[in-house]
Structure formats: C-alpha cells, structure tokens
PDB file of all heavy atoms in Angstrom:
ATOM      1  N   VAL A   1     106.867  92.625  79.975  1.00  0.00           N
ATOM      2  CA  VAL A   1     106.597  93.379  78.745  1.00  0.00           C
ATOM      3  C   VAL A   1     106.996  94.841  78.982  1.00  0.00           C
ATOM      4  O   VAL A   1     106.636  95.432  79.984  1.00  0.00           O
ATOM      5  CB  VAL A   1     105.125  93.329  78.320  1.00  0.00           C
ATOM      6  CG1 VAL A   1     104.914  94.033  76.972  1.00  0.00           C
ATOM      7  CG2 VAL A   1     104.630  91.889  78.264  1.00  0.00           C
ATOM      8  N   ALA A   2     107.776  95.391  78.065  1.00  0.00           N
ATOM      9  CA  ALA A   2     108.140  96.803  78.102  1.00  0.00           C
ATOM     10  C   ALA A   2     107.718  97.427  76.791  1.00  0.00           C
ATOM     11  O   ALA A   2     107.678  96.798  75.745  1.00  0.00           O
ATOM     12  CB  ALA A   2     109.657  96.978  78.305  1.00  0.00           C
ATOM     13  N   MET A   3     107.325  98.699  76.865  1.00  0.00           N
ATOM     14  CA  MET A   3     106.868  99.451  75.701  1.00  0.00           C
ATOM     15  C   MET A   3     107.554 100.815  75.663  1.00  0.00           C
ATOM     16  O   MET A   3     107.815 101.397  76.710  1.00  0.00           O
ATOM     17  CB  MET A   3     105.365  99.693  75.744  1.00  0.00           C
ATOM     18  CG  MET A   3     104.525  98.428  75.734  1.00  0.00           C
ATOM     19  SD  MET A   3     102.771  98.746  76.208  1.00  0.00           S
ATOM     20  CE  MET A   3     102.915  98.549  78.002  1.00  0.00           C
ATOM     21  N   ILE A   4     107.862 101.273  74.465  1.00  0.00           N
ATOM     22  CA  ILE A   4     108.400 102.630  74.305  1.00  0.00           C
ATOM     23  C   ILE A   4     107.906 103.165  72.962  1.00  0.00           C
ATOM     24  O   ILE A   4     107.833 102.439  71.975  1.00  0.00           O
ATOM     25  CB  ILE A   4     109.950 102.619  74.347  1.00  0.00           C
ATOM     26  CG1 ILE A   4     110.477 104.052  74.335  1.00  0.00           C
ATOM     27  CG2 ILE A   4     110.551 101.837  73.191  1.00  0.00           C
ATOM     28  CD1 ILE A   4     111.956 104.180  74.643  1.00  0.00           C
ATOM     29  N   SER A   5     107.505 104.416  72.976  1.00  0.00           N
ATOM     30  CA  SER A   5     107.102 105.061  71.709  1.00  0.00           C
ATOM     31  C   SER A   5     108.356 105.671  71.055  1.00  0.00           C
ATOM     32  O   SER A   5     109.222 106.205  71.715  1.00  0.00           O
ATOM     33  CB  SER A   5     106.088 106.162  71.990  1.00  0.00           C
ATOM     34  OG  SER A   5     106.602 107.119  72.895  1.00  0.00           O
ATOM     35  N   TYR A   6     108.416 105.547  69.744  1.00  0.00           N
ATOM     36  CA  TYR A   6     109.499 106.148  68.974  1.00  0.00           C
ATOM     37  C   TYR A   6     108.990 106.539  67.636  1.00  0.00           C
ATOM     38  O   TYR A   6     108.462 105.730  66.877  1.00  0.00           O
ATOM     39  CB  TYR A   6     110.663 105.150  68.833  1.00  0.00           C
ATOM     40  CG  TYR A   6     111.733 105.637  67.886  1.00  0.00           C
ATOM     41  CD1 TYR A   6     112.369 106.885  68.059  1.00  0.00           C
ATOM     42  CD2 TYR A   6     112.124 104.882  66.792  1.00  0.00           C
ATOM     43  CE1 TYR A   6     113.337 107.316  67.183  1.00  0.00           C
ATOM     44  CE2 TYR A   6     113.109 105.310  65.910  1.00  0.00           C
ATOM     45  CZ  TYR A   6     113.687 106.532  66.097  1.00  0.00           C
ATOM     46  OH  TYR A   6     114.670 107.000  65.237  1.00  0.00           O
ATOM     47  N   ALA A   7     109.102 107.858  67.327  1.00  0.00           N
ATOM     48  CA  ALA A   7     108.602 108.406  66.084  1.00  0.00           C
ATOM     49  C   ALA A   7     107.133 108.039  65.879  1.00  0.00           C
ATOM     50  O   ALA A   7     106.298 108.452  66.677  1.00  0.00           O
ATOM     51  CB  ALA A   7     109.472 107.947  64.892  1.00  0.00           C
ATOM     52  N   ASP A   8     106.804 107.244  64.861  1.00  0.00           N
ATOM     53  CA  ASP A   8     105.396 106.973  64.560  1.00  0.00           C
ATOM     54  C   ASP A   8     104.972 105.564  64.919  1.00  0.00           C
ATOM     55  O   ASP A   8     103.990 105.058  64.379  1.00  0.00           O
ATOM     56  CB  ASP A   8     105.147 107.242  63.063  1.00  0.00           C
ATOM     57  CG  ASP A   8     106.118 106.520  62.179  1.00  0.00           C
ATOM     58  OD1 ASP A   8     106.990 105.796  62.697  1.00  0.00           O
ATOM     59  OD2 ASP A   8     106.006 106.666  60.941  1.00  0.00           O
ATOM     60  N   HIS A   9     105.712 104.883  65.821  1.00  0.00           N
ATOM     61  CA  HIS A   9     105.362 103.519  66.243  1.00  0.00           C
ATOM     62  C   HIS A   9     105.476 103.363  67.741  1.00  0.00           C
ATOM     63  O   HIS A   9     106.176 104.117  68.422  1.00  0.00           O
ATOM     64  CB  HIS A   9     106.235 102.484  65.544  1.00  0.00           C
ATOM     65  CG  HIS A   9     105.884 102.206  64.126  1.00  0.00           C
ATOM     66  ND1 HIS A   9     106.270 103.033  63.089  1.00  0.00           N
ATOM     67  CD2 HIS A   9     105.168 101.187  63.545  1.00  0.00           C
ATOM     68  CE1 HIS A   9     105.821 102.546  61.928  1.00  0.00           C
ATOM     69  NE2 HIS A   9     105.139 101.423  62.197  1.00  0.00           N
ATOM     70  N   LEU A  10     104.732 102.378  68.272  1.00  0.00           N
ATOM     71  CA  LEU A  10     104.881 101.938  69.643  1.00  0.00           C
ATOM     72  C   LEU A  10     105.566 100.556  69.594  1.00  0.00           C
ATOM     73  O   LEU A  10     105.087  99.643  68.926  1.00  0.00           O
ATOM     74  CB  LEU A  10     103.541 101.829  70.346  1.00  0.00           C
ATOM     75  CG  LEU A  10     103.572 101.410  71.825  1.00  0.00           C
ATOM     76  CD1 LEU A  10     104.336 102.428  72.677  1.00  0.00           C
ATOM     77  CD2 LEU A  10     102.166 101.207  72.357  1.00  0.00           C
ATOM     78  N   TYR A  11     106.686 100.440  70.307  1.00  0.00           N
ATOM     79  CA  TYR A  11     107.501  99.249  70.247  1.00  0.00           C
ATOM     80  C   TYR A  11     107.307  98.408  71.535  1.00  0.00           C
ATOM     81  O   TYR A  11     107.308  98.976  72.636  1.00  0.00           O
ATOM     82  CB  TYR A  11     108.969  99.604  70.102  1.00  0.00           C
ATOM     83  CG  TYR A  11     109.329 100.171  68.748  1.00  0.00           C
ATOM     84  CD1 TYR A  11     109.027 101.491  68.408  1.00  0.00           C
ATOM     85  CD2 TYR A  11     109.911  99.360  67.778  1.00  0.00           C
ATOM     86  CE1 TYR A  11     109.325 101.993  67.168  1.00  0.00           C
ATOM     87  CE2 TYR A  11     110.236  99.890  66.526  1.00  0.00           C
ATOM     88  CZ  TYR A  11     109.916 101.189  66.208  1.00  0.00           C
ATOM     89  OH  TYR A  11     110.201 101.685  64.967  1.00  0.00           O
ATOM     90  N   PHE A  12     107.150  97.111  71.368  1.00  0.00           N
ATOM     91  CA  PHE A  12     106.970  96.171  72.473  1.00  0.00           C
ATOM     92  C   PHE A  12     108.211  95.280  72.545  1.00  0.00           C
ATOM     93  O   PHE A  12     108.610  94.723  71.505  1.00  0.00           O
ATOM     94  CB  PHE A  12     105.723  95.314  72.288  1.00  0.00           C
ATOM     95  CG  PHE A  12     104.430  96.054  72.311  1.00  0.00           C
ATOM     96  CD1 PHE A  12     103.998  96.767  71.189  1.00  0.00           C
ATOM     97  CD2 PHE A  12     103.626  96.032  73.419  1.00  0.00           C
ATOM     98  CE1 PHE A  12     102.789  97.445  71.193  1.00  0.00           C
ATOM     99  CE2 PHE A  12     102.385  96.734  73.437  1.00  0.00           C
ATOM    100  CZ  PHE A  12     102.007  97.434  72.313  1.00  0.00           C
ATOM    101  N   GLY A  13     108.722  95.063  73.741  1.00  0.00           N
ATOM    102  CA  GLY A  13     109.769  94.087  73.950  1.00  0.00           C
ATOM    103  C   GLY A  13     109.353  93.131  75.050  1.00  0.00           C
ATOM    104  O   GLY A  13     108.921  93.546  76.117  1.00  0.00           O
ATOM    105  N   ILE A  14     109.424  91.822  74.783  1.00  0.00           N
ATOM    106  CA  ILE A  14     109.009  90.808  75.750  1.00  0.00           C
ATOM    107  C   ILE A  14     110.202  89.908  76.092  1.00  0.00           C
ATOM    108  O   ILE A  14     110.784  89.277  75.169  1.00  0.00           O
ATOM    109  CB  ILE A  14     107.850  89.966  75.233  1.00  0.00           C
ATOM    110  CG1 ILE A  14     106.651  90.840  74.893  1.00  0.00           C
ATOM    111  CG2 ILE A  14     107.447  88.884  76.224  1.00  0.00           C
ATOM    112  CD1 ILE A  14     105.458  90.093  74.339  1.00  0.00           C
ATOM    113  N   LEU A  15     110.550  89.884  77.369  1.00  0.00           N
ATOM    114  CA  LEU A  15     111.589  88.952  77.855  1.00  0.00           C
ATOM    115  C   LEU A  15     110.869  87.845  78.621  1.00  0.00           C
ATOM    116  O   LEU A  15     109.972  88.123  79.429  1.00  0.00           O
ATOM    117  CB  LEU A  15     112.583  89.684  78.739  1.00  0.00           C
ATOM    118  CG  LEU A  15     113.852  88.856  79.077  1.00  0.00           C
ATOM    119  CD1 LEU A  15     114.716  88.636  77.841  1.00  0.00           C
ATOM    120  CD2 LEU A  15     114.666  89.531  80.199  1.00  0.00           C
ATOM    121  N   ALA A  16     111.262  86.605  78.386  1.00  0.00           N
ATOM    122  CA  ALA A  16     110.582  85.482  79.032  1.00  0.00           C
ATOM    123  C   ALA A  16     111.629  84.445  79.445  1.00  0.00           C
ATOM    124  O   ALA A  16     112.712  84.347  78.854  1.00  0.00           O
ATOM    125  CB  ALA A  16     109.600  84.825  78.073  1.00  0.00           C
ATOM    126  N   ASP A  17     111.300  83.712  80.492  1.00  0.00           N
ATOM    127  CA  ASP A  17     112.145  82.610  80.881  1.00  0.00           C
ATOM    128  C   ASP A  17     112.154  81.539  79.786  1.00  0.00           C
ATOM    129  O   ASP A  17     111.119  81.256  79.169  1.00  0.00           O
ATOM    130  CB  ASP A  17     111.651  81.987  82.199  1.00  0.00           C
ATOM    131  CG  ASP A  17     112.555  80.902  82.691  1.00  0.00           C
ATOM    132  OD1 ASP A  17     113.616  81.236  83.257  1.00  0.00           O
ATOM    133  OD2 ASP A  17     112.215  79.717  82.539  1.00  0.00           O
ATOM    134  N   TYR A  18     113.298  80.949  79.525  1.00  0.00           N
ATOM    135  CA  TYR A  18     113.458  80.024  78.434  1.00  0.00           C
ATOM    136  C   TYR A  18     112.521  78.815  78.562  1.00  0.00           C
ATOM    137  O   TYR A  18     111.964  78.321  77.577  1.00  0.00           O
ATOM    138  CB  TYR A  18     114.915  79.544  78.378  1.00  0.00           C
ATOM    139  CG  TYR A  18     115.285  78.784  77.132  1.00  0.00           C
ATOM    140  CD1 TYR A  18     115.747  79.453  76.011  1.00  0.00           C
ATOM    141  CD2 TYR A  18     115.144  77.386  77.070  1.00  0.00           C
ATOM    142  CE1 TYR A  18     116.061  78.762  74.844  1.00  0.00           C
ATOM    143  CE2 TYR A  18     115.480  76.719  75.921  1.00  0.00           C
ATOM    144  CZ  TYR A  18     115.935  77.385  74.801  1.00  0.00           C
ATOM    145  OH  TYR A  18     116.266  76.697  73.668  1.00  0.00           O
ATOM    146  N   GLU A  19     112.333  78.338  79.808  1.00  0.00           N
ATOM    147  CA  GLU A  19     111.561  77.116  80.020  1.00  0.00           C
ATOM    148  C   GLU A  19     110.074  77.318  79.896  1.00  0.00           C
ATOM    149  O   GLU A  19     109.360  76.383  79.551  1.00  0.00           O
ATOM    150  CB  GLU A  19     111.893  76.562  81.419  1.00  0.00           C
ATOM    151  CG  GLU A  19     113.364  76.235  81.652  1.00  0.00           C
ATOM    152  CD  GLU A  19     113.868  75.156  80.716  1.00  0.00           C
ATOM    153  OE1 GLU A  19     113.038  74.347  80.204  1.00  0.00           O
ATOM    154  OE2 GLU A  19     115.091  75.103  80.479  1.00  0.00           O
ATOM    155  N   VAL A  20     109.566  78.530  80.167  1.00  0.00           N
ATOM    156  CA  VAL A  20     108.138  78.719  80.204  1.00  0.00           C
ATOM    157  C   VAL A  20     107.551  79.264  78.900  1.00  0.00           C
ATOM    158  O   VAL A  20     106.366  79.141  78.659  1.00  0.00           O
ATOM    159  CB  VAL A  20     107.760  79.713  81.364  1.00  0.00           C
ATOM    160  CG1 VAL A  20     108.088  81.151  80.969  1.00  0.00           C
ATOM    161  CG2 VAL A  20     106.287  79.579  81.735  1.00  0.00           C
ATOM    162  N   ALA A  21     108.397  79.842  78.062  1.00  0.00           N
ATOM    163  CA  ALA A  21     107.904  80.441  76.808  1.00  0.00           C
ATOM    164  C   ALA A  21     108.674  79.893  75.622  1.00  0.00           C
ATOM    165  O   ALA A  21     109.566  80.528  75.079  1.00  0.00           O
ATOM    166  CB  ALA A  21     108.035  81.941  76.849  1.00  0.00           C
ATOM    167  N   ALA A  22     108.311  78.664  75.235  1.00  0.00           N
ATOM    168  CA  ALA A  22     109.019  78.033  74.120  1.00  0.00           C
ATOM    169  C   ALA A  22     108.861  78.857  72.836  1.00  0.00           C
ATOM    170  O   ALA A  22     109.737  78.869  71.995  1.00  0.00           O
ATOM    171  CB  ALA A  22     108.505  76.615  73.916  1.00  0.00           C
ATOM    172  N   ASP A  23     107.738  79.527  72.715  1.00  0.00           N
ATOM    173  CA  ASP A  23     107.477  80.384  71.540  1.00  0.00           C
ATOM    174  C   ASP A  23     107.094  81.772  72.011  1.00  0.00           C
ATOM    175  O   ASP A  23     105.904  82.119  72.037  1.00  0.00           O
ATOM    176  CB  ASP A  23     106.432  79.772  70.633  1.00  0.00           C
ATOM    177  CG  ASP A  23     106.257  80.552  69.329  1.00  0.00           C
ATOM    178  OD1 ASP A  23     107.121  81.452  69.067  1.00  0.00           O
ATOM    179  OD2 ASP A  23     105.305  80.323  68.612  1.00  0.00           O
ATOM    180  N   VAL A  24     108.081  82.569  72.440  1.00  0.00           N
ATOM    181  CA  VAL A  24     107.756  83.905  72.913  1.00  0.00           C
ATOM    182  C   VAL A  24     107.210  84.765  71.799  1.00  0.00           C
ATOM    183  O   VAL A  24     106.493  85.744  72.055  1.00  0.00           O
ATOM    184  CB  VAL A  24     109.013  84.553  73.542  1.00  0.00           C
ATOM    185  CG1 VAL A  24     110.065  84.847  72.495  1.00  0.00           C
ATOM    186  CG2 VAL A  24     108.678  85.801  74.338  1.00  0.00           C
ATOM    187  N   ASN A  25     107.468  84.372  70.541  1.00  0.00           N
ATOM    188  CA  ASN A  25     106.921  85.130  69.411  1.00  0.00           C
ATOM    189  C   ASN A  25     105.404  85.030  69.374  1.00  0.00           C
ATOM    190  O   ASN A  25     104.760  85.912  68.790  1.00  0.00           O
ATOM    191  CB  ASN A  25     107.494  84.589  68.108  1.00  0.00           C
ATOM    192  CG  ASN A  25     108.975  84.824  67.979  1.00  0.00           C
ATOM    193  OD1 ASN A  25     109.486  85.864  68.393  1.00  0.00           O
ATOM    194  ND2 ASN A  25     109.692  83.847  67.485  1.00  0.00           N
ATOM    195  N   GLN A  26     104.833  84.035  70.032  1.00  0.00           N
ATOM    196  CA  GLN A  26     103.379  83.942  70.070  1.00  0.00           C
ATOM    197  C   GLN A  26     102.797  85.150  70.804  1.00  0.00           C
ATOM    198  O   GLN A  26     101.720  85.642  70.447  1.00  0.00           O
ATOM    199  CB  GLN A  26     102.947  82.644  70.785  1.00  0.00           C
ATOM    200  CG  GLN A  26     101.428  82.456  70.838  1.00  0.00           C
ATOM    201  CD  GLN A  26     101.059  81.183  71.580  1.00  0.00           C
ATOM    202  OE1 GLN A  26     101.890  80.467  72.089  1.00  0.00           O
ATOM    203  NE2 GLN A  26      99.759  80.894  71.625  1.00  0.00           N
ATOM    204  N   LEU A  27     103.500  85.609  71.831  1.00  0.00           N
ATOM    205  CA  LEU A  27     103.016  86.779  72.572  1.00  0.00           C
ATOM    206  C   LEU A  27     103.063  88.056  71.726  1.00  0.00           C
ATOM    207  O   LEU A  27     102.170  88.853  71.733  1.00  0.00           O
ATOM    208  CB  LEU A  27     103.817  86.964  73.856  1.00  0.00           C
ATOM    209  CG  LEU A  27     103.468  86.007  75.017  1.00  0.00           C
ATOM    210  CD1 LEU A  27     104.506  86.117  76.108  1.00  0.00           C
ATOM    211  CD2 LEU A  27     102.077  86.325  75.548  1.00  0.00           C
ATOM    212  N   THR A  28     104.169  88.205  70.977  1.00  0.00           N
ATOM    213  CA  THR A  28     104.278  89.431  70.169  1.00  0.00           C
ATOM    214  C   THR A  28     103.306  89.393  68.980  1.00  0.00           C
ATOM    215  O   THR A  28     102.701  90.391  68.644  1.00  0.00           O
ATOM    216  CB  THR A  28     105.724  89.627  69.646  1.00  0.00           C
ATOM    217  OG1 THR A  28     106.183  88.432  69.033  1.00  0.00           O
ATOM    218  CG2 THR A  28     106.656  90.011  70.801  1.00  0.00           C
ATOM    219  N   ARG A  29     103.151  88.207  68.375  1.00  0.00           N
ATOM    220  CA  ARG A  29     102.166  88.090  67.297  1.00  0.00           C
ATOM    221  C   ARG A  29     100.738  88.361  67.820  1.00  0.00           C
ATOM    222  O   ARG A  29      99.888  88.968  67.158  1.00  0.00           O
ATOM    223  CB  ARG A  29     102.203  86.711  66.659  1.00  0.00           C
ATOM    224  CG  ARG A  29     103.437  86.447  65.797  1.00  0.00           C
ATOM    225  CD  ARG A  29     103.220  85.208  64.921  1.00  0.00           C
ATOM    226  NE  ARG A  29     102.911  84.045  65.729  1.00  0.00           N
ATOM    227  CZ  ARG A  29     103.827  83.181  66.184  1.00  0.00           C
ATOM    228  NH1 ARG A  29     105.095  83.395  65.938  1.00  0.00           N
ATOM    229  NH2 ARG A  29     103.456  82.121  66.900  1.00  0.00           N
ATOM    230  N   GLY A  30     100.482  87.912  69.058  1.00  0.00           N
ATOM    231  CA  GLY A  30      99.173  88.169  69.644  1.00  0.00           C
ATOM    232  C   GLY A  30      98.892  89.638  69.842  1.00  0.00           C
ATOM    233  O   GLY A  30      97.755  90.096  69.663  1.00  0.00           O
ATOM    234  N   ILE A  31      99.932  90.402  70.204  1.00  0.00           N
ATOM    235  CA  ILE A  31      99.751  91.859  70.350  1.00  0.00           C
ATOM    236  C   ILE A  31      99.446  92.502  68.999  1.00  0.00           C
ATOM    237  O   ILE A  31      98.515  93.334  68.899  1.00  0.00           O
ATOM    238  CB  ILE A  31     101.029  92.469  70.972  1.00  0.00           C
ATOM    239  CG1 ILE A  31     101.197  92.025  72.421  1.00  0.00           C
ATOM    240  CG2 ILE A  31     100.980  94.001  70.882  1.00  0.00           C
ATOM    241  CD1 ILE A  31     102.507  92.394  73.060  1.00  0.00           C
ATOM    242  N   GLU A  32     100.173  92.118  67.970  1.00  0.00           N
ATOM    243  CA  GLU A  32      99.898  92.641  66.644  1.00  0.00           C
ATOM    244  C   GLU A  32      98.462  92.365  66.217  1.00  0.00           C
ATOM    245  O   GLU A  32      97.751  93.248  65.722  1.00  0.00           O
ATOM    246  CB  GLU A  32     100.876  92.011  65.613  1.00  0.00           C
ATOM    247  CG  GLU A  32     102.336  92.354  65.842  1.00  0.00           C
ATOM    248  CD  GLU A  32     103.227  91.495  64.920  1.00  0.00           C
ATOM    249  OE1 GLU A  32     102.671  90.779  64.054  1.00  0.00           O
ATOM    250  OE2 GLU A  32     104.449  91.561  65.091  1.00  0.00           O
ATOM    251  N   ASN A  33      98.049  91.104  66.406  1.00  0.00           N
ATOM    252  CA  ASN A  33      96.711  90.701  65.957  1.00  0.00           C
ATOM    253  C   ASN A  33      95.635  91.414  66.748  1.00  0.00           C
ATOM    254  O   ASN A  33      94.563  91.775  66.220  1.00  0.00           O
ATOM    255  CB  ASN A  33      96.549  89.180  66.094  1.00  0.00           C
ATOM    256  CG  ASN A  33      97.458  88.421  65.135  1.00  0.00           C
ATOM    257  OD1 ASN A  33      97.876  88.940  64.097  1.00  0.00           O
ATOM    258  ND2 ASN A  33      97.778  87.186  65.509  1.00  0.00           N
ATOM    259  N   ALA A  34      95.868  91.615  68.078  1.00  0.00           N
ATOM    260  CA  ALA A  34      94.871  92.270  68.913  1.00  0.00           C
ATOM    261  C   ALA A  34      94.673  93.724  68.492  1.00  0.00           C
ATOM    262  O   ALA A  34      93.523  94.196  68.416  1.00  0.00           O
ATOM    263  CB  ALA A  34      95.295  92.196  70.380  1.00  0.00           C
ATOM    264  N   VAL A  35      95.782  94.415  68.213  1.00  0.00           N
ATOM    265  CA  VAL A  35      95.656  95.801  67.736  1.00  0.00           C
ATOM    266  C   VAL A  35      94.954  95.860  66.422  1.00  0.00           C
ATOM    267  O   VAL A  35      94.056  96.710  66.169  1.00  0.00           O
ATOM    268  CB  VAL A  35      97.036  96.477  67.696  1.00  0.00           C
ATOM    269  CG1 VAL A  35      96.929  97.862  67.037  1.00  0.00           C
ATOM    270  CG2 VAL A  35      97.652  96.620  69.058  1.00  0.00           C
ATOM    271  N   ALA A  36      95.314  94.950  65.484  1.00  0.00           N
ATOM    272  CA  ALA A  36      94.680  94.914  64.156  1.00  0.00           C
ATOM    273  C   ALA A  36      93.175  94.700  64.271  1.00  0.00           C
ATOM    274  O   ALA A  36      92.400  95.314  63.549  1.00  0.00           O
ATOM    275  CB  ALA A  36      95.344  93.865  63.301  1.00  0.00           C
ATOM    276  N   ARG A  37      92.773  93.837  65.181  1.00  0.00           N
ATOM    277  CA  ARG A  37      91.351  93.572  65.320  1.00  0.00           C
ATOM    278  C   ARG A  37      90.595  94.799  65.886  1.00  0.00           C
ATOM    279  O   ARG A  37      89.533  95.147  65.417  1.00  0.00           O
ATOM    280  CB  ARG A  37      91.123  92.392  66.283  1.00  0.00           C
ATOM    281  CG  ARG A  37      89.671  92.018  66.464  1.00  0.00           C
ATOM    282  CD  ARG A  37      89.451  90.568  66.727  1.00  0.00           C
ATOM    283  NE  ARG A  37      89.972  90.129  68.006  1.00  0.00           N
ATOM    284  CZ  ARG A  37      89.358  89.227  68.774  1.00  0.00           C
ATOM    285  NH1 ARG A  37      88.197  88.696  68.369  1.00  0.00           N
ATOM    286  NH2 ARG A  37      89.904  88.830  69.897  1.00  0.00           N
TER     287      ARG A  37
END
C-alpha cells in the first residue's frame, strides 16, 4: 500500500499479486468504509 497527499485528498494505491487478491478492490473499498466510519 502506498499513500500520497495531493491538494485536498489522500490517495491510496494498492498493488497485489494476481493470484492472492482476486478482488483487490475489496481492500480499497475497505479503506473508504473505515474512514467513513
């Protein structure tokens, strides 16, 4: 996971091995939901 701030947002980028993370979007959605909570 890498993060960088830009203007008024914090951006997350997640790189994953193809075999282990069939739905890497689950990790990014989880970050959004965790911050919202």
